[in-house]
Amino acid sequence: MLSKEKLQRINELAKRAKTSGLTKKEENEQNMLRKEYLQTFRASFKNHLHSVTVVDENGNDVTPDALKESKRNKDNPLH
């Protein structure tokens, strides 16, 4: 999870970008923070997916094969 300070900074830069614009240094900072945020979000989402099992109305496990494979080998991304 990203720290509160980083999230506040992302929001501050986004607001300034819409109003007065950003310097090159601030644009670079914004891009780096966005990348870090997306990496954190994707990792969290993937971990959440690994806890999911899909079951049909008859109680049969119908979890997609790609998710089953990803659960077996957590180092590989979902396809």
PDB file of N, CA and C in Angstrom:
ATOM      1  N   MET A   1       0.841  -1.171   0.000  1.00  0.00           N
ATOM      2  CA  MET A   1       0.000   0.000   0.000  1.00  0.00           C
ATOM      3  C   MET A   1       0.888   1.238   0.000  1.00  0.00           C
ATOM      4  N   LEU A   2       0.506   2.204  -0.773  1.00  0.00           N
ATOM      5  CA  LEU A   2       1.244   3.458  -0.845  1.00  0.00           C
ATOM      6  C   LEU A   2       0.984   4.281   0.413  1.00  0.00           C
ATOM      7  N   SER A   3       1.980   5.019   0.844  1.00  0.00           N
ATOM      8  CA  SER A   3       1.825   5.830   2.052  1.00  0.00           C
ATOM      9  C   SER A   3       0.840   6.971   1.802  1.00  0.00           C
ATOM     10  N   LYS A   4       0.269   7.465   2.877  1.00  0.00           N
ATOM     11  CA  LYS A   4      -0.673   8.586   2.785  1.00  0.00           C
ATOM     12  C   LYS A   4      -0.007   9.804   2.168  1.00  0.00           C
ATOM     13  N   GLU A   5       1.259  10.010   2.505  1.00  0.00           N
ATOM     14  CA  GLU A   5       1.983  11.163   1.978  1.00  0.00           C
ATOM     15  C   GLU A   5       2.110  11.097   0.461  1.00  0.00           C
ATOM     16  N   LYS A   6       2.403   9.901  -0.046  1.00  0.00           N
ATOM     17  CA  LYS A   6       2.548   9.740  -1.498  1.00  0.00           C
ATOM     18  C   LYS A   6       1.201   9.928  -2.199  1.00  0.00           C
ATOM     19  N   LEU A   7       0.137   9.377  -1.608  1.00  0.00           N
ATOM     20  CA  LEU A   7      -1.191   9.561  -2.198  1.00  0.00           C
ATOM     21  C   LEU A   7      -1.596  11.034  -2.207  1.00  0.00           C
ATOM     22  N   GLN A   8      -1.296  11.728  -1.123  1.00  0.00           N
ATOM     23  CA  GLN A   8      -1.588  13.164  -1.065  1.00  0.00           C
ATOM     24  C   GLN A   8      -0.799  13.919  -2.125  1.00  0.00           C
ATOM     25  N   ARG A   9       0.443  13.534  -2.308  1.00  0.00           N
ATOM     26  CA  ARG A   9       1.286  14.200  -3.301  1.00  0.00           C
ATOM     27  C   ARG A   9       0.764  13.938  -4.715  1.00  0.00           C
ATOM     28  N   ILE A  10       0.320  12.720  -4.993  1.00  0.00           N
ATOM     29  CA  ILE A  10      -0.269  12.396  -6.299  1.00  0.00           C
ATOM     30  C   ILE A  10      -1.468  13.294  -6.554  1.00  0.00           C
ATOM     31  N   ASN A  11      -2.342  13.411  -5.564  1.00  0.00           N
ATOM     32  CA  ASN A  11      -3.530  14.241  -5.710  1.00  0.00           C
ATOM     33  C   ASN A  11      -3.193  15.721  -5.854  1.00  0.00           C
ATOM     34  N   GLU A  12      -2.209  16.165  -5.103  1.00  0.00           N
ATOM     35  CA  GLU A  12      -1.780  17.564  -5.187  1.00  0.00           C
ATOM     36  C   GLU A  12      -1.236  17.884  -6.589  1.00  0.00           C
ATOM     37  N   LEU A  13      -0.408  17.003  -7.110  1.00  0.00           N
ATOM     38  CA  LEU A  13       0.158  17.222  -8.441  1.00  0.00           C
ATOM     39  C   LEU A  13      -0.921  17.164  -9.520  1.00  0.00           C
ATOM     40  N   ALA A  14      -1.875  16.258  -9.361  1.00  0.00           N
ATOM     41  CA  ALA A  14      -2.966  16.160 -10.341  1.00  0.00           C
ATOM     42  C   ALA A  14      -3.794  17.445 -10.353  1.00  0.00           C
ATOM     43  N   LYS A  15      -4.067  17.973  -9.179  1.00  0.00           N
ATOM     44  CA  LYS A  15      -4.847  19.210  -9.078  1.00  0.00           C
ATOM     45  C   LYS A  15      -4.085  20.384  -9.695  1.00  0.00           C
ATOM     46  N   ARG A  16      -2.792  20.467  -9.376  1.00  0.00           N
ATOM     47  CA  ARG A  16      -1.979  21.565  -9.932  1.00  0.00           C
ATOM     48  C   ARG A  16      -1.840  21.441 -11.439  1.00  0.00           C
ATOM     49  N   ALA A  17      -1.772  20.218 -11.946  1.00  0.00           N
ATOM     50  CA  ALA A  17      -1.646  20.007 -13.389  1.00  0.00           C
ATOM     51  C   ALA A  17      -2.878  20.555 -14.105  1.00  0.00           C
ATOM     52  N   LYS A  18      -4.033  20.443 -13.483  1.00  0.00           N
ATOM     53  CA  LYS A  18      -5.275  20.929 -14.088  1.00  0.00           C
ATOM     54  C   LYS A  18      -5.423  22.442 -13.978  1.00  0.00           C
ATOM     55  N   THR A  19      -4.842  23.030 -12.959  1.00  0.00           N
ATOM     56  CA  THR A  19      -5.033  24.469 -12.733  1.00  0.00           C
ATOM     57  C   THR A  19      -3.888  25.301 -13.301  1.00  0.00           C
ATOM     58  N   SER A  20      -2.728  25.196 -12.702  1.00  0.00           N
ATOM     59  CA  SER A  20      -1.630  26.090 -13.085  1.00  0.00           C
ATOM     60  C   SER A  20      -0.533  25.415 -13.904  1.00  0.00           C
ATOM     61  N   GLY A  21      -0.580  24.090 -14.027  1.00  0.00           N
ATOM     62  CA  GLY A  21       0.457  23.378 -14.769  1.00  0.00           C
ATOM     63  C   GLY A  21       1.605  22.956 -13.869  1.00  0.00           C
ATOM     64  N   LEU A  22       2.422  22.063 -14.386  1.00  0.00           N
ATOM     65  CA  LEU A  22       3.539  21.512 -13.623  1.00  0.00           C
ATOM     66  C   LEU A  22       4.865  21.832 -14.298  1.00  0.00           C
ATOM     67  N   THR A  23       5.903  21.917 -13.493  1.00  0.00           N
ATOM     68  CA  THR A  23       7.243  22.047 -14.036  1.00  0.00           C
ATOM     69  C   THR A  23       7.684  20.670 -14.536  1.00  0.00           C
ATOM     70  N   LYS A  24       8.755  20.621 -15.287  1.00  0.00           N
ATOM     71  CA  LYS A  24       9.281  19.338 -15.784  1.00  0.00           C
ATOM     72  C   LYS A  24       9.626  18.409 -14.626  1.00  0.00           C
ATOM     73  N   LYS A  25      10.216  18.975 -13.574  1.00  0.00           N
ATOM     74  CA  LYS A  25      10.577  18.180 -12.407  1.00  0.00           C
ATOM     75  C   LYS A  25       9.326  17.578 -11.761  1.00  0.00           C
ATOM     76  N   GLU A  26       8.279  18.371 -11.652  1.00  0.00           N
ATOM     77  CA  GLU A  26       7.030  17.893 -11.065  1.00  0.00           C
ATOM     78  C   GLU A  26       6.354  16.847 -11.969  1.00  0.00           C
ATOM     79  N   GLU A  27       6.439  17.036 -13.279  1.00  0.00           N
ATOM     80  CA  GLU A  27       5.878  16.050 -14.210  1.00  0.00           C
ATOM     81  C   GLU A  27       6.582  14.707 -14.054  1.00  0.00           C
ATOM     82  N   ASN A  28       7.906  14.748 -13.922  1.00  0.00           N
ATOM     83  CA  ASN A  28       8.680  13.515 -13.713  1.00  0.00           C
ATOM     84  C   ASN A  28       8.294  12.850 -12.395  1.00  0.00           C
ATOM     85  N   GLU A  29       8.161  13.663 -11.359  1.00  0.00           N
ATOM     86  CA  GLU A  29       7.753  13.143 -10.052  1.00  0.00           C
ATOM     87  C   GLU A  29       6.365  12.502 -10.142  1.00  0.00           C
ATOM     88  N   GLN A  30       5.448  13.166 -10.840  1.00  0.00           N
ATOM     89  CA  GLN A  30       4.091  12.663 -11.000  1.00  0.00           C
ATOM     90  C   GLN A  30       4.101  11.318 -11.735  1.00  0.00           C
ATOM     91  N   ASN A  31       4.889  11.225 -12.792  1.00  0.00           N
ATOM     92  CA  ASN A  31       4.986   9.973 -13.546  1.00  0.00           C
ATOM     93  C   ASN A  31       5.549   8.843 -12.702  1.00  0.00           C
ATOM     94  N   MET A  32       6.564   9.134 -11.914  1.00  0.00           N
ATOM     95  CA  MET A  32       7.162   8.116 -11.045  1.00  0.00           C
ATOM     96  C   MET A  32       6.168   7.654  -9.982  1.00  0.00           C
ATOM     97  N   LEU A  33       5.439   8.605  -9.395  1.00  0.00           N
ATOM     98  CA  LEU A  33       4.453   8.254  -8.376  1.00  0.00           C
ATOM     99  C   LEU A  33       3.305   7.448  -8.975  1.00  0.00           C
ATOM    100  N   ARG A  34       2.882   7.793 -10.174  1.00  0.00           N
ATOM    101  CA  ARG A  34       1.813   7.047 -10.847  1.00  0.00           C
ATOM    102  C   ARG A  34       2.246   5.618 -11.123  1.00  0.00           C
ATOM    103  N   LYS A  35       3.485   5.446 -11.598  1.00  0.00           N
ATOM    104  CA  LYS A  35       3.996   4.103 -11.875  1.00  0.00           C
ATOM    105  C   LYS A  35       4.043   3.269 -10.597  1.00  0.00           C
ATOM    106  N   GLU A  36       4.517   3.878  -9.514  1.00  0.00           N
ATOM    107  CA  GLU A  36       4.582   3.171  -8.238  1.00  0.00           C
ATOM    108  C   GLU A  36       3.173   2.795  -7.763  1.00  0.00           C
ATOM    109  N   TYR A  37       2.225   3.726  -7.918  1.00  0.00           N
ATOM    110  CA  TYR A  37       0.844   3.462  -7.527  1.00  0.00           C
ATOM    111  C   TYR A  37       0.272   2.290  -8.329  1.00  0.00           C
ATOM    112  N   LEU A  38       0.481   2.302  -9.641  1.00  0.00           N
ATOM    113  CA  LEU A  38      -0.052   1.232 -10.488  1.00  0.00           C
ATOM    114  C   LEU A  38       0.573  -0.118 -10.157  1.00  0.00           C
ATOM    115  N   GLN A  39       1.872  -0.144  -9.878  1.00  0.00           N
ATOM    116  CA  GLN A  39       2.527  -1.398  -9.503  1.00  0.00           C
ATOM    117  C   GLN A  39       1.931  -1.948  -8.218  1.00  0.00           C
ATOM    118  N   THR A  40       1.715  -1.072  -7.249  1.00  0.00           N
ATOM    119  CA  THR A  40       1.142  -1.476  -5.976  1.00  0.00           C
ATOM    120  C   THR A  40      -0.290  -1.971  -6.161  1.00  0.00           C
ATOM    121  N   PHE A  41      -1.076  -1.242  -6.954  1.00  0.00           N
ATOM    122  CA  PHE A  41      -2.461  -1.621  -7.210  1.00  0.00           C
ATOM    123  C   PHE A  41      -2.539  -2.978  -7.898  1.00  0.00           C
ATOM    124  N   ARG A  42      -1.725  -3.168  -8.927  1.00  0.00           N
ATOM    125  CA  ARG A  42      -1.749  -4.433  -9.674  1.00  0.00           C
ATOM    126  C   ARG A  42      -1.352  -5.608  -8.796  1.00  0.00           C
ATOM    127  N   ALA A  43      -0.336  -5.426  -7.964  1.00  0.00           N
ATOM    128  CA  ALA A  43       0.093  -6.507  -7.069  1.00  0.00           C
ATOM    129  C   ALA A  43      -1.014  -6.843  -6.075  1.00  0.00           C
ATOM    130  N   SER A  44      -1.666  -5.838  -5.542  1.00  0.00           N
ATOM    131  CA  SER A  44      -2.762  -6.056  -4.603  1.00  0.00           C
ATOM    132  C   SER A  44      -3.928  -6.769  -5.281  1.00  0.00           C
ATOM    133  N   PHE A  45      -4.263  -6.342  -6.494  1.00  0.00           N
ATOM    134  CA  PHE A  45      -5.366  -6.947  -7.237  1.00  0.00           C
ATOM    135  C   PHE A  45      -5.053  -8.407  -7.554  1.00  0.00           C
ATOM    136  N   LYS A  46      -3.822  -8.678  -7.951  1.00  0.00           N
ATOM    137  CA  LYS A  46      -3.421 -10.046  -8.269  1.00  0.00           C
ATOM    138  C   LYS A  46      -3.509 -10.927  -7.024  1.00  0.00           C
ATOM    139  N   ASN A  47      -3.062 -10.423  -5.886  1.00  0.00           N
ATOM    140  CA  ASN A  47      -3.163 -11.187  -4.646  1.00  0.00           C
ATOM    141  C   ASN A  47      -4.619 -11.468  -4.297  1.00  0.00           C
ATOM    142  N   HIS A  48      -5.477 -10.496  -4.540  1.00  0.00           N
ATOM    143  CA  HIS A  48      -6.903 -10.687  -4.289  1.00  0.00           C
ATOM    144  C   HIS A  48      -7.464 -11.772  -5.213  1.00  0.00           C
ATOM    145  N   LEU A  49      -7.093 -11.739  -6.481  1.00  0.00           N
ATOM    146  CA  LEU A  49      -7.570 -12.757  -7.420  1.00  0.00           C
ATOM    147  C   LEU A  49      -7.129 -14.158  -7.023  1.00  0.00           C
ATOM    148  N   HIS A  50      -5.960 -14.261  -6.444  1.00  0.00           N
ATOM    149  CA  HIS A  50      -5.453 -15.571  -6.035  1.00  0.00           C
ATOM    150  C   HIS A  50      -6.285 -16.172  -4.907  1.00  0.00           C
ATOM    151  N   SER A  51      -7.098 -15.388  -4.253  1.00  0.00           N
ATOM    152  CA  SER A  51      -7.951 -15.918  -3.191  1.00  0.00           C
ATOM    153  C   SER A  51      -9.343 -16.290  -3.709  1.00  0.00           C
ATOM    154  N   VAL A  52      -9.581 -16.116  -5.017  1.00  0.00           N
ATOM    155  CA  VAL A  52     -10.895 -16.363  -5.605  1.00  0.00           C
ATOM    156  C   VAL A  52     -10.982 -17.769  -6.190  1.00  0.00           C
ATOM    157  N   THR A  53     -12.109 -18.414  -5.926  1.00  0.00           N
ATOM    158  CA  THR A  53     -12.450 -19.674  -6.572  1.00  0.00           C
ATOM    159  C   THR A  53     -13.848 -19.500  -7.145  1.00  0.00           C
ATOM    160  N   VAL A  54     -14.015 -19.828  -8.416  1.00  0.00           N
ATOM    161  CA  VAL A  54     -15.306 -19.685  -9.082  1.00  0.00           C
ATOM    162  C   VAL A  54     -16.022 -21.024  -9.030  1.00  0.00           C
ATOM    163  N   VAL A  55     -17.252 -20.996  -8.514  1.00  0.00           N
ATOM    164  CA  VAL A  55     -18.040 -22.212  -8.368  1.00  0.00           C
ATOM    165  C   VAL A  55     -19.368 -22.005  -9.077  1.00  0.00           C
ATOM    166  N   ASP A  56     -19.796 -22.995  -9.874  1.00  0.00           N
ATOM    167  CA  ASP A  56     -21.088 -22.882 -10.560  1.00  0.00           C
ATOM    168  C   ASP A  56     -22.230 -23.258  -9.612  1.00  0.00           C
ATOM    169  N   GLU A  57     -23.455 -23.191 -10.115  1.00  0.00           N
ATOM    170  CA  GLU A  57     -24.635 -23.441  -9.274  1.00  0.00           C
ATOM    171  C   GLU A  57     -24.704 -24.877  -8.754  1.00  0.00           C
ATOM    172  N   ASN A  58     -23.959 -25.786  -9.356  1.00  0.00           N
ATOM    173  CA  ASN A  58     -23.931 -27.184  -8.902  1.00  0.00           C
ATOM    174  C   ASN A  58     -22.797 -27.457  -7.916  1.00  0.00           C
ATOM    175  N   GLY A  59     -22.020 -26.451  -7.608  1.00  0.00           N
ATOM    176  CA  GLY A  59     -20.915 -26.608  -6.669  1.00  0.00           C
ATOM    177  C   GLY A  59     -19.622 -27.070  -7.295  1.00  0.00           C
ATOM    178  N   ASN A  60     -19.572 -27.065  -8.638  1.00  0.00           N
ATOM    179  CA  ASN A  60     -18.349 -27.469  -9.338  1.00  0.00           C
ATOM    180  C   ASN A  60     -17.389 -26.293  -9.463  1.00  0.00           C
ATOM    181  N   ASP A  61     -16.122 -26.582  -9.268  1.00  0.00           N
ATOM    182  CA  ASP A  61     -15.090 -25.559  -9.428  1.00  0.00           C
ATOM    183  C   ASP A  61     -14.918 -25.256 -10.914  1.00  0.00           C
ATOM    184  N   VAL A  62     -15.240 -24.041 -11.322  1.00  0.00           N
ATOM    185  CA  VAL A  62     -15.100 -23.629 -12.723  1.00  0.00           C
ATOM    186  C   VAL A  62     -14.133 -22.448 -12.849  1.00  0.00           C
ATOM    187  N   THR A  63     -13.185 -22.380 -11.930  1.00  0.00           N
ATOM    188  CA  THR A  63     -12.182 -21.332 -11.958  1.00  0.00           C
ATOM    189  C   THR A  63     -11.416 -21.413 -13.279  1.00  0.00           C
ATOM    190  N   PRO A  64     -11.227 -20.290 -13.965  1.00  0.00           N
ATOM    191  CA  PRO A  64     -10.492 -20.317 -15.240  1.00  0.00           C
ATOM    192  C   PRO A  64      -9.097 -20.927 -15.082  1.00  0.00           C
ATOM    193  N   ASP A  65      -8.679 -21.668 -16.091  1.00  0.00           N
ATOM    194  CA  ASP A  65      -7.376 -22.337 -16.050  1.00  0.00           C
ATOM    195  C   ASP A  65      -6.224 -21.360 -15.854  1.00  0.00           C
ATOM    196  N   ALA A  66      -6.323 -20.185 -16.457  1.00  0.00           N
ATOM    197  CA  ALA A  66      -5.246 -19.195 -16.311  1.00  0.00           C
ATOM    198  C   ALA A  66      -5.093 -18.768 -14.851  1.00  0.00           C
ATOM    199  N   LEU A  67      -6.196 -18.636 -14.142  1.00  0.00           N
ATOM    200  CA  LEU A  67      -6.134 -18.267 -12.731  1.00  0.00           C
ATOM    201  C   LEU A  67      -5.581 -19.423 -11.896  1.00  0.00           C
ATOM    202  N   LYS A  68      -6.008 -20.645 -12.202  1.00  0.00           N
ATOM    203  CA  LYS A  68      -5.468 -21.808 -11.492  1.00  0.00           C
ATOM    204  C   LYS A  68      -3.960 -21.908 -11.670  1.00  0.00           C
ATOM    205  N   GLU A  69      -3.496 -21.706 -12.899  1.00  0.00           N
ATOM    206  CA  GLU A  69      -2.059 -21.758 -13.182  1.00  0.00           C
ATOM    207  C   GLU A  69      -1.314 -20.648 -12.446  1.00  0.00           C
ATOM    208  N   SER A  70      -1.906 -19.464 -12.420  1.00  0.00           N
ATOM    209  CA  SER A  70      -1.286 -18.340 -11.729  1.00  0.00           C
ATOM    210  C   SER A  70      -1.191 -18.601 -10.233  1.00  0.00           C
ATOM    211  N   LYS A  71      -2.209 -19.239  -9.675  1.00  0.00           N
ATOM    212  CA  LYS A  71      -2.177 -19.587  -8.247  1.00  0.00           C
ATOM    213  C   LYS A  71      -1.053 -20.575  -7.966  1.00  0.00           C
ATOM    214  N   ARG A  72      -0.847 -21.531  -8.891  1.00  0.00           N
ATOM    215  CA  ARG A  72       0.216 -22.533  -8.706  1.00  0.00           C
ATOM    216  C   ARG A  72       1.601 -21.901  -8.813  1.00  0.00           C
ATOM    217  N   ASN A  73       1.719 -20.916  -9.676  1.00  0.00           N
ATOM    218  CA  ASN A  73       3.008 -20.279  -9.910  1.00  0.00           C
ATOM    219  C   ASN A  73       2.850 -18.776  -9.746  1.00  0.00           C
ATOM    220  N   LYS A  74       2.859 -18.317  -8.528  1.00  0.00           N
ATOM    221  CA  LYS A  74       2.560 -16.909  -8.235  1.00  0.00           C
ATOM    222  C   LYS A  74       3.573 -15.923  -8.795  1.00  0.00           C
ATOM    223  N   ASP A  75       4.702 -16.387  -9.266  1.00  0.00           N
ATOM    224  CA  ASP A  75       5.707 -15.485  -9.847  1.00  0.00           C
ATOM    225  C   ASP A  75       5.340 -15.043 -11.248  1.00  0.00           C
ATOM    226  N   ASN A  76       4.509 -15.809 -11.936  1.00  0.00           N
ATOM    227  CA  ASN A  76       4.127 -15.474 -13.307  1.00  0.00           C
ATOM    228  C   ASN A  76       2.856 -14.636 -13.302  1.00  0.00           C
ATOM    229  N   PRO A  77       2.767 -13.611 -14.145  1.00  0.00           N
ATOM    230  CA  PRO A  77       1.561 -12.805 -14.211  1.00  0.00           C
ATOM    231  C   PRO A  77       0.418 -13.554 -14.885  1.00  0.00           C
ATOM    232  N   LEU A  78      -0.803 -13.111 -14.597  1.00  0.00           N
ATOM    233  CA  LEU A  78      -1.978 -13.682 -15.251  1.00  0.00           C
ATOM    234  C   LEU A  78      -1.962 -13.340 -16.718  1.00  0.00           C
ATOM    235  N   HIS A  79      -2.482 -14.233 -17.541  1.00  0.00           N
ATOM    236  CA  HIS A  79      -2.574 -13.985 -18.978  1.00  0.00           C
ATOM    237  C   HIS A  79      -4.015 -13.988 -19.382  1.00  0.00           C
TER     238      HIS A  79
END
